[in-house]
Amino acid sequence: MRNFLQLFTLLALSFSFIFASDYREMKEISLKKDEQKKILVKYADKEKLFNFRWTLYKNGGLVIFRSYDKIVAQNVLYLRHENQSFRVELMPSGTNYGNLAYLLVKFKEFKQESKEAAFEIFLFDKKEQVLLEDLKN
């Protein structure tokens, strides 16, 4: 039984390293309430704007408003829950783009003293087709 647990732990760690290395770029940011994060997404000859902000932190849930390519959405993210992140596909599916690039925005922590939410933004882009540019608010 002990050997089984050791093997299971070893496999779990190796899988986490495999999946963790799939992202090409990672950024950490902190936002205050209603402060927007704007990122210009460039690929091929296109430029699209991704932005998001949070508006409410209540009972452990963080309400997020986001938009990308004129598509607006809302998410509620939790620290200790399956809904800790959301995914934004950056390119349309089609024959020109085999492995679609996407962003994963993960709610990392809420800082009570400064009333800021911390996030990690991961870029998954195996073909290295996408360039991200931070825009000033």
N, C-alpha and C. Protein backbone atom coordinates (compact mmCIF):
# COMPACT_ATOMS: atom_id res chain seq x y z
N MET A 1 0.83 -1.20 0.00
CA MET A 1 0.00 0.00 0.00
C MET A 1 0.87 1.25 0.00
N ARG A 2 1.94 1.20 0.79
CA ARG A 2 2.82 2.36 0.87
C ARG A 2 3.49 2.63 -0.48
N ASN A 3 3.92 1.57 -1.15
CA ASN A 3 4.53 1.72 -2.47
C ASN A 3 3.55 2.31 -3.47
N PHE A 4 2.29 1.89 -3.37
CA PHE A 4 1.27 2.43 -4.26
C PHE A 4 1.10 3.93 -4.05
N LEU A 5 1.06 4.37 -2.80
CA LEU A 5 0.92 5.79 -2.51
C LEU A 5 2.13 6.59 -3.00
N GLN A 6 3.32 6.03 -2.85
CA GLN A 6 4.52 6.71 -3.34
C GLN A 6 4.48 6.84 -4.87
N LEU A 7 4.08 5.77 -5.53
CA LEU A 7 3.99 5.79 -6.99
C LEU A 7 2.93 6.80 -7.44
N PHE A 8 1.78 6.79 -6.77
CA PHE A 8 0.71 7.73 -7.11
C PHE A 8 1.17 9.17 -6.93
N THR A 9 1.87 9.47 -5.84
CA THR A 9 2.38 10.81 -5.58
C THR A 9 3.39 11.22 -6.64
N LEU A 10 4.27 10.32 -7.00
CA LEU A 10 5.28 10.59 -8.03
C LEU A 10 4.62 10.88 -9.37
N LEU A 11 3.61 10.09 -9.74
CA LEU A 11 2.91 10.32 -11.00
C LEU A 11 2.15 11.64 -10.98
N ALA A 12 1.51 11.94 -9.88
CA ALA A 12 0.77 13.20 -9.78
C ALA A 12 1.71 14.39 -9.92
N LEU A 13 2.87 14.34 -9.29
CA LEU A 13 3.84 15.42 -9.41
C LEU A 13 4.36 15.56 -10.83
N SER A 14 4.64 14.45 -11.47
CA SER A 14 5.16 14.52 -12.84
C SER A 14 4.11 15.07 -13.79
N PHE A 15 2.83 14.71 -13.62
CA PHE A 15 1.78 15.27 -14.46
C PHE A 15 1.62 16.76 -14.23
N SER A 16 1.74 17.21 -12.99
CA SER A 16 1.60 18.64 -12.72
C SER A 16 2.72 19.43 -13.37
N PHE A 17 3.94 18.86 -13.41
CA PHE A 17 5.04 19.54 -14.09
C PHE A 17 4.81 19.59 -15.59
N ILE A 18 4.27 18.52 -16.16
CA ILE A 18 4.00 18.49 -17.59
C ILE A 18 2.99 19.55 -17.96
N PHE A 19 1.87 19.62 -17.24
CA PHE A 19 0.84 20.59 -17.56
C PHE A 19 1.26 22.00 -17.22
N ALA A 20 2.04 22.18 -16.20
CA ALA A 20 2.48 23.52 -15.80
C ALA A 20 3.42 24.12 -16.83
N SER A 21 4.15 23.29 -17.57
CA SER A 21 5.11 23.81 -18.53
C SER A 21 4.47 24.10 -19.88
N ASP A 22 3.18 23.85 -20.05
CA ASP A 22 2.53 24.09 -21.33
C ASP A 22 2.33 25.58 -21.62
N TYR A 23 2.32 26.41 -20.62
CA TYR A 23 2.09 27.82 -20.89
C TYR A 23 3.38 28.49 -21.36
N ARG A 24 3.22 29.50 -22.21
CA ARG A 24 4.36 30.18 -22.78
C ARG A 24 4.76 31.42 -21.99
N GLU A 25 3.78 32.03 -21.36
CA GLU A 25 4.03 33.28 -20.65
C GLU A 25 3.09 33.36 -19.45
N MET A 26 3.56 33.97 -18.35
CA MET A 26 2.73 34.14 -17.17
C MET A 26 2.98 35.51 -16.58
N LYS A 27 1.89 36.18 -16.19
CA LYS A 27 1.99 37.50 -15.55
C LYS A 27 1.18 37.47 -14.27
N GLU A 28 1.67 38.17 -13.27
CA GLU A 28 0.93 38.33 -12.03
C GLU A 28 0.52 39.79 -11.92
N ILE A 29 -0.75 40.02 -11.60
CA ILE A 29 -1.23 41.39 -11.46
C ILE A 29 -2.14 41.48 -10.24
N SER A 30 -2.28 42.69 -9.73
CA SER A 30 -3.23 42.99 -8.66
C SER A 30 -4.10 44.14 -9.11
N LEU A 31 -5.40 44.01 -8.87
CA LEU A 31 -6.34 45.04 -9.27
C LEU A 31 -7.21 45.45 -8.10
N LYS A 32 -7.46 46.74 -8.00
CA LYS A 32 -8.43 47.24 -7.03
C LYS A 32 -9.81 47.16 -7.67
N LYS A 33 -10.84 47.37 -6.87
CA LYS A 33 -12.20 47.30 -7.36
C LYS A 33 -12.40 48.26 -8.54
N ASP A 34 -13.00 47.76 -9.61
CA ASP A 34 -13.32 48.49 -10.84
C ASP A 34 -12.10 49.01 -11.60
N GLU A 35 -10.91 48.59 -11.22
CA GLU A 35 -9.71 48.93 -11.99
C GLU A 35 -9.61 47.93 -13.14
N GLN A 36 -9.45 48.45 -14.34
CA GLN A 36 -9.43 47.58 -15.52
C GLN A 36 -8.01 47.16 -15.88
N LYS A 37 -7.90 45.93 -16.33
CA LYS A 37 -6.66 45.43 -16.92
C LYS A 37 -6.93 45.28 -18.41
N LYS A 38 -6.10 45.95 -19.23
CA LYS A 38 -6.27 45.91 -20.68
C LYS A 38 -5.04 45.28 -21.31
N ILE A 39 -5.29 44.32 -22.18
CA ILE A 39 -4.21 43.62 -22.89
C ILE A 39 -4.55 43.60 -24.37
N LEU A 40 -3.63 44.08 -25.18
CA LEU A 40 -3.80 44.03 -26.64
C LEU A 40 -3.24 42.69 -27.12
N VAL A 41 -4.06 41.94 -27.83
CA VAL A 41 -3.69 40.63 -28.35
C VAL A 41 -3.42 40.79 -29.84
N LYS A 42 -2.21 40.41 -30.27
CA LYS A 42 -1.83 40.53 -31.67
C LYS A 42 -1.50 39.15 -32.23
N TYR A 43 -2.07 38.85 -33.38
CA TYR A 43 -1.71 37.64 -34.12
C TYR A 43 -2.04 37.88 -35.60
N ALA A 44 -1.24 37.25 -36.47
CA ALA A 44 -1.37 37.46 -37.92
C ALA A 44 -1.41 38.97 -38.18
N ASP A 45 -2.45 39.46 -38.80
CA ASP A 45 -2.58 40.90 -39.04
C ASP A 45 -3.70 41.49 -38.20
N LYS A 46 -4.06 40.83 -37.12
CA LYS A 46 -5.18 41.25 -36.28
C LYS A 46 -4.71 41.77 -34.93
N GLU A 47 -5.49 42.72 -34.41
CA GLU A 47 -5.29 43.24 -33.05
C GLU A 47 -6.65 43.25 -32.36
N LYS A 48 -6.72 42.62 -31.20
CA LYS A 48 -7.97 42.56 -30.45
C LYS A 48 -7.69 42.93 -29.01
N LEU A 49 -8.68 43.54 -28.36
CA LEU A 49 -8.53 44.00 -26.99
C LEU A 49 -9.21 43.05 -26.01
N PHE A 50 -8.46 42.63 -25.00
CA PHE A 50 -9.00 41.85 -23.89
C PHE A 50 -8.93 42.73 -22.65
N ASN A 51 -10.04 42.89 -21.96
CA ASN A 51 -9.99 43.62 -20.70
C ASN A 51 -10.92 42.95 -19.69
N PHE A 52 -10.55 43.13 -18.41
CA PHE A 52 -11.40 42.61 -17.35
C PHE A 52 -11.22 43.46 -16.10
N ARG A 53 -12.20 43.34 -15.22
CA ARG A 53 -12.19 44.05 -13.93
C ARG A 53 -13.07 43.26 -12.97
N TRP A 54 -12.88 43.53 -11.69
CA TRP A 54 -13.75 42.90 -10.70
C TRP A 54 -14.57 43.99 -10.03
N THR A 55 -15.79 43.64 -9.64
CA THR A 55 -16.70 44.64 -9.07
C THR A 55 -17.17 44.33 -7.67
N LEU A 56 -17.09 43.06 -7.25
CA LEU A 56 -17.64 42.70 -5.95
C LEU A 56 -16.91 41.48 -5.41
N TYR A 57 -16.56 41.55 -4.12
CA TYR A 57 -16.02 40.38 -3.42
C TYR A 57 -16.91 40.13 -2.22
N LYS A 58 -17.66 39.03 -2.25
CA LYS A 58 -18.62 38.74 -1.20
C LYS A 58 -18.69 37.24 -0.98
N ASN A 59 -18.63 36.81 0.28
CA ASN A 59 -18.74 35.39 0.65
C ASN A 59 -17.72 34.52 -0.11
N GLY A 60 -16.53 35.06 -0.32
CA GLY A 60 -15.48 34.30 -0.98
C GLY A 60 -15.56 34.28 -2.50
N GLY A 61 -16.57 34.95 -3.06
CA GLY A 61 -16.73 34.98 -4.52
C GLY A 61 -16.35 36.35 -5.08
N LEU A 62 -15.61 36.34 -6.17
CA LEU A 62 -15.16 37.56 -6.83
C LEU A 62 -15.89 37.67 -8.17
N VAL A 63 -16.68 38.73 -8.35
CA VAL A 63 -17.44 38.92 -9.58
C VAL A 63 -16.56 39.65 -10.59
N ILE A 64 -16.40 39.02 -11.77
CA ILE A 64 -15.53 39.52 -12.82
C ILE A 64 -16.37 39.89 -14.04
N PHE A 65 -16.08 41.05 -14.63
CA PHE A 65 -16.62 41.41 -15.93
C PHE A 65 -15.46 41.42 -16.90
N ARG A 66 -15.67 40.81 -18.07
CA ARG A 66 -14.59 40.73 -19.05
C ARG A 66 -15.16 40.89 -20.45
N SER A 67 -14.27 41.30 -21.36
CA SER A 67 -14.66 41.36 -22.76
C SER A 67 -13.44 41.06 -23.62
N TYR A 68 -13.72 40.40 -24.73
CA TYR A 68 -12.68 40.12 -25.72
C TYR A 68 -13.36 40.08 -27.08
N ASP A 69 -12.83 40.84 -28.00
CA ASP A 69 -13.35 40.87 -29.37
C ASP A 69 -14.85 41.16 -29.38
N LYS A 70 -15.26 42.13 -28.60
CA LYS A 70 -16.65 42.60 -28.51
C LYS A 70 -17.61 41.57 -27.91
N ILE A 71 -17.08 40.54 -27.26
CA ILE A 71 -17.91 39.56 -26.56
C ILE A 71 -17.74 39.81 -25.07
N VAL A 72 -18.85 40.12 -24.41
CA VAL A 72 -18.83 40.47 -22.99
C VAL A 72 -19.33 39.28 -22.17
N ALA A 73 -18.69 39.04 -21.02
CA ALA A 73 -19.09 37.93 -20.16
C ALA A 73 -18.87 38.31 -18.70
N GLN A 74 -19.48 37.52 -17.83
CA GLN A 74 -19.33 37.70 -16.38
C GLN A 74 -19.01 36.34 -15.77
N ASN A 75 -18.10 36.34 -14.80
CA ASN A 75 -17.75 35.13 -14.07
C ASN A 75 -17.73 35.44 -12.58
N VAL A 76 -17.94 34.41 -11.78
CA VAL A 76 -17.73 34.49 -10.35
C VAL A 76 -16.64 33.48 -10.02
N LEU A 77 -15.53 33.98 -9.48
CA LEU A 77 -14.37 33.12 -9.18
C LEU A 77 -14.24 32.94 -7.67
N TYR A 78 -13.77 31.75 -7.28
CA TYR A 78 -13.57 31.41 -5.87
C TYR A 78 -12.15 30.89 -5.68
N LEU A 79 -11.58 31.11 -4.51
CA LEU A 79 -10.23 30.64 -4.22
C LEU A 79 -10.18 29.13 -4.00
N ARG A 80 -11.12 28.59 -3.27
CA ARG A 80 -11.10 27.16 -2.94
C ARG A 80 -12.26 26.45 -3.62
N HIS A 81 -12.28 26.53 -4.93
CA HIS A 81 -13.40 25.98 -5.66
C HIS A 81 -12.94 25.65 -7.07
N GLU A 82 -13.75 24.89 -7.78
CA GLU A 82 -13.42 24.58 -9.16
C GLU A 82 -13.42 25.83 -10.03
N ASN A 83 -14.22 26.80 -9.70
CA ASN A 83 -14.33 28.03 -10.48
C ASN A 83 -13.30 29.05 -10.03
N GLN A 84 -12.04 28.70 -10.15
CA GLN A 84 -10.97 29.59 -9.73
C GLN A 84 -10.40 30.37 -10.91
N SER A 85 -10.79 29.98 -12.14
CA SER A 85 -10.22 30.62 -13.32
C SER A 85 -11.23 30.63 -14.46
N PHE A 86 -10.91 31.41 -15.48
CA PHE A 86 -11.69 31.36 -16.71
C PHE A 86 -10.73 31.38 -17.89
N ARG A 87 -11.22 30.89 -19.01
CA ARG A 87 -10.41 30.72 -20.22
C ARG A 87 -10.97 31.61 -21.33
N VAL A 88 -10.07 32.25 -22.07
CA VAL A 88 -10.45 33.09 -23.19
C VAL A 88 -9.70 32.60 -24.43
N GLU A 89 -10.44 32.08 -25.40
CA GLU A 89 -9.81 31.66 -26.65
C GLU A 89 -9.50 32.89 -27.48
N LEU A 90 -8.24 32.99 -27.93
CA LEU A 90 -7.77 34.21 -28.57
C LEU A 90 -7.98 34.24 -30.08
N MET A 91 -8.10 33.09 -30.71
CA MET A 91 -8.26 33.02 -32.16
C MET A 91 -9.48 32.18 -32.50
N PRO A 92 -10.10 32.48 -33.63
CA PRO A 92 -11.24 31.65 -34.03
C PRO A 92 -10.78 30.27 -34.45
N SER A 93 -11.63 29.29 -34.22
CA SER A 93 -11.27 27.95 -34.66
C SER A 93 -11.42 27.88 -36.17
N GLY A 94 -10.52 27.18 -36.81
CA GLY A 94 -10.55 27.08 -38.27
C GLY A 94 -9.31 26.37 -38.76
N THR A 95 -9.18 26.29 -40.04
CA THR A 95 -8.08 25.55 -40.63
C THR A 95 -6.75 26.27 -40.49
N ASN A 96 -6.76 27.59 -40.40
CA ASN A 96 -5.51 28.35 -40.31
C ASN A 96 -4.84 28.23 -38.94
N TYR A 97 -5.62 27.94 -37.93
CA TYR A 97 -5.08 27.91 -36.57
C TYR A 97 -5.33 26.53 -35.97
N GLY A 98 -4.33 25.66 -36.00
CA GLY A 98 -4.50 24.30 -35.51
C GLY A 98 -4.69 24.23 -34.01
N ASN A 99 -3.65 24.53 -33.25
CA ASN A 99 -3.75 24.56 -31.80
C ASN A 99 -4.11 25.97 -31.39
N LEU A 100 -5.30 26.14 -30.89
CA LEU A 100 -5.77 27.47 -30.55
C LEU A 100 -5.04 28.02 -29.33
N ALA A 101 -4.64 29.26 -29.44
CA ALA A 101 -4.03 29.95 -28.30
C ALA A 101 -5.14 30.46 -27.40
N TYR A 102 -4.86 30.47 -26.10
CA TYR A 102 -5.85 30.98 -25.16
C TYR A 102 -5.16 31.56 -23.93
N LEU A 103 -5.91 32.40 -23.23
CA LEU A 103 -5.49 32.94 -21.95
C LEU A 103 -6.25 32.22 -20.85
N LEU A 104 -5.58 31.99 -19.74
CA LEU A 104 -6.23 31.47 -18.55
C LEU A 104 -5.99 32.49 -17.45
N VAL A 105 -7.06 33.05 -16.92
CA VAL A 105 -6.96 34.04 -15.85
C VAL A 105 -7.38 33.35 -14.55
N LYS A 106 -6.46 33.30 -13.60
CA LYS A 106 -6.68 32.57 -12.34
C LYS A 106 -6.72 33.55 -11.17
N PHE A 107 -7.75 33.44 -10.36
CA PHE A 107 -7.90 34.22 -9.14
C PHE A 107 -6.97 33.61 -8.10
N LYS A 108 -5.96 34.37 -7.67
CA LYS A 108 -4.93 33.83 -6.79
C LYS A 108 -5.21 34.13 -5.31
N GLU A 109 -5.54 35.39 -5.00
CA GLU A 109 -5.85 35.74 -3.61
C GLU A 109 -6.54 37.09 -3.53
N PHE A 110 -7.21 37.31 -2.40
CA PHE A 110 -7.82 38.61 -2.13
C PHE A 110 -7.13 39.19 -0.91
N LYS A 111 -6.54 40.36 -1.09
CA LYS A 111 -5.81 41.02 -0.01
C LYS A 111 -6.77 41.96 0.73
N GLN A 112 -7.18 41.54 1.93
CA GLN A 112 -8.16 42.29 2.70
C GLN A 112 -7.67 43.69 3.07
N GLU A 113 -6.38 43.79 3.45
CA GLU A 113 -5.87 45.07 3.93
C GLU A 113 -5.86 46.14 2.83
N SER A 114 -5.56 45.77 1.59
CA SER A 114 -5.50 46.75 0.51
C SER A 114 -6.72 46.67 -0.42
N LYS A 115 -7.60 45.71 -0.15
CA LYS A 115 -8.79 45.51 -0.98
C LYS A 115 -8.42 45.31 -2.45
N GLU A 116 -7.40 44.47 -2.67
CA GLU A 116 -6.96 44.15 -4.03
C GLU A 116 -7.10 42.65 -4.28
N ALA A 117 -7.42 42.34 -5.51
CA ALA A 117 -7.48 40.94 -5.94
C ALA A 117 -6.25 40.65 -6.78
N ALA A 118 -5.59 39.54 -6.49
CA ALA A 118 -4.39 39.14 -7.23
C ALA A 118 -4.76 38.05 -8.23
N PHE A 119 -4.19 38.16 -9.42
CA PHE A 119 -4.46 37.22 -10.50
C PHE A 119 -3.16 36.74 -11.13
N GLU A 120 -3.23 35.57 -11.74
CA GLU A 120 -2.17 35.08 -12.61
C GLU A 120 -2.80 34.91 -13.99
N ILE A 121 -2.10 35.42 -15.00
CA ILE A 121 -2.57 35.32 -16.37
C ILE A 121 -1.58 34.45 -17.14
N PHE A 122 -2.07 33.34 -17.67
CA PHE A 122 -1.23 32.39 -18.39
C PHE A 122 -1.58 32.45 -19.88
N LEU A 123 -0.56 32.50 -20.72
CA LEU A 123 -0.77 32.42 -22.17
C LEU A 123 -0.36 31.02 -22.63
N PHE A 124 -1.30 30.29 -23.20
CA PHE A 124 -1.04 28.98 -23.79
C PHE A 124 -1.03 29.17 -25.31
N ASP A 125 0.12 28.97 -25.92
CA ASP A 125 0.28 29.24 -27.35
C ASP A 125 1.43 28.38 -27.87
N LYS A 126 1.15 27.13 -28.21
CA LYS A 126 2.19 26.20 -28.63
C LYS A 126 2.89 26.62 -29.91
N LYS A 127 2.15 27.23 -30.83
CA LYS A 127 2.73 27.61 -32.11
C LYS A 127 3.36 29.01 -32.09
N GLU A 128 3.31 29.66 -30.94
CA GLU A 128 3.88 31.00 -30.76
C GLU A 128 3.39 31.98 -31.83
N GLN A 129 2.07 32.06 -31.95
CA GLN A 129 1.44 32.93 -32.92
C GLN A 129 0.97 34.25 -32.32
N VAL A 130 0.89 34.32 -31.01
CA VAL A 130 0.27 35.45 -30.33
C VAL A 130 1.29 36.28 -29.58
N LEU A 131 1.10 37.59 -29.63
CA LEU A 131 1.91 38.52 -28.86
C LEU A 131 0.95 39.33 -27.98
N LEU A 132 1.28 39.43 -26.69
CA LEU A 132 0.46 40.20 -25.74
C LEU A 132 1.17 41.51 -25.43
N GLU A 133 0.39 42.58 -25.35
CA GLU A 133 0.94 43.90 -25.02
C GLU A 133 0.07 44.54 -23.96
N ASP A 134 0.66 44.86 -22.80
CA ASP A 134 -0.08 45.53 -21.74
C ASP A 134 -0.37 46.96 -22.14
N LEU A 135 -1.60 47.38 -21.93
CA LEU A 135 -1.98 48.76 -22.21
C LEU A 135 -2.19 49.49 -20.90
N LYS A 136 -1.80 50.73 -20.86
CA LYS A 136 -2.01 51.55 -19.67
C LYS A 136 -3.47 51.93 -19.61
N ASN A 137 -4.01 52.01 -18.41
CA ASN A 137 -5.43 52.34 -18.22
C ASN A 137 -5.72 53.78 -18.53
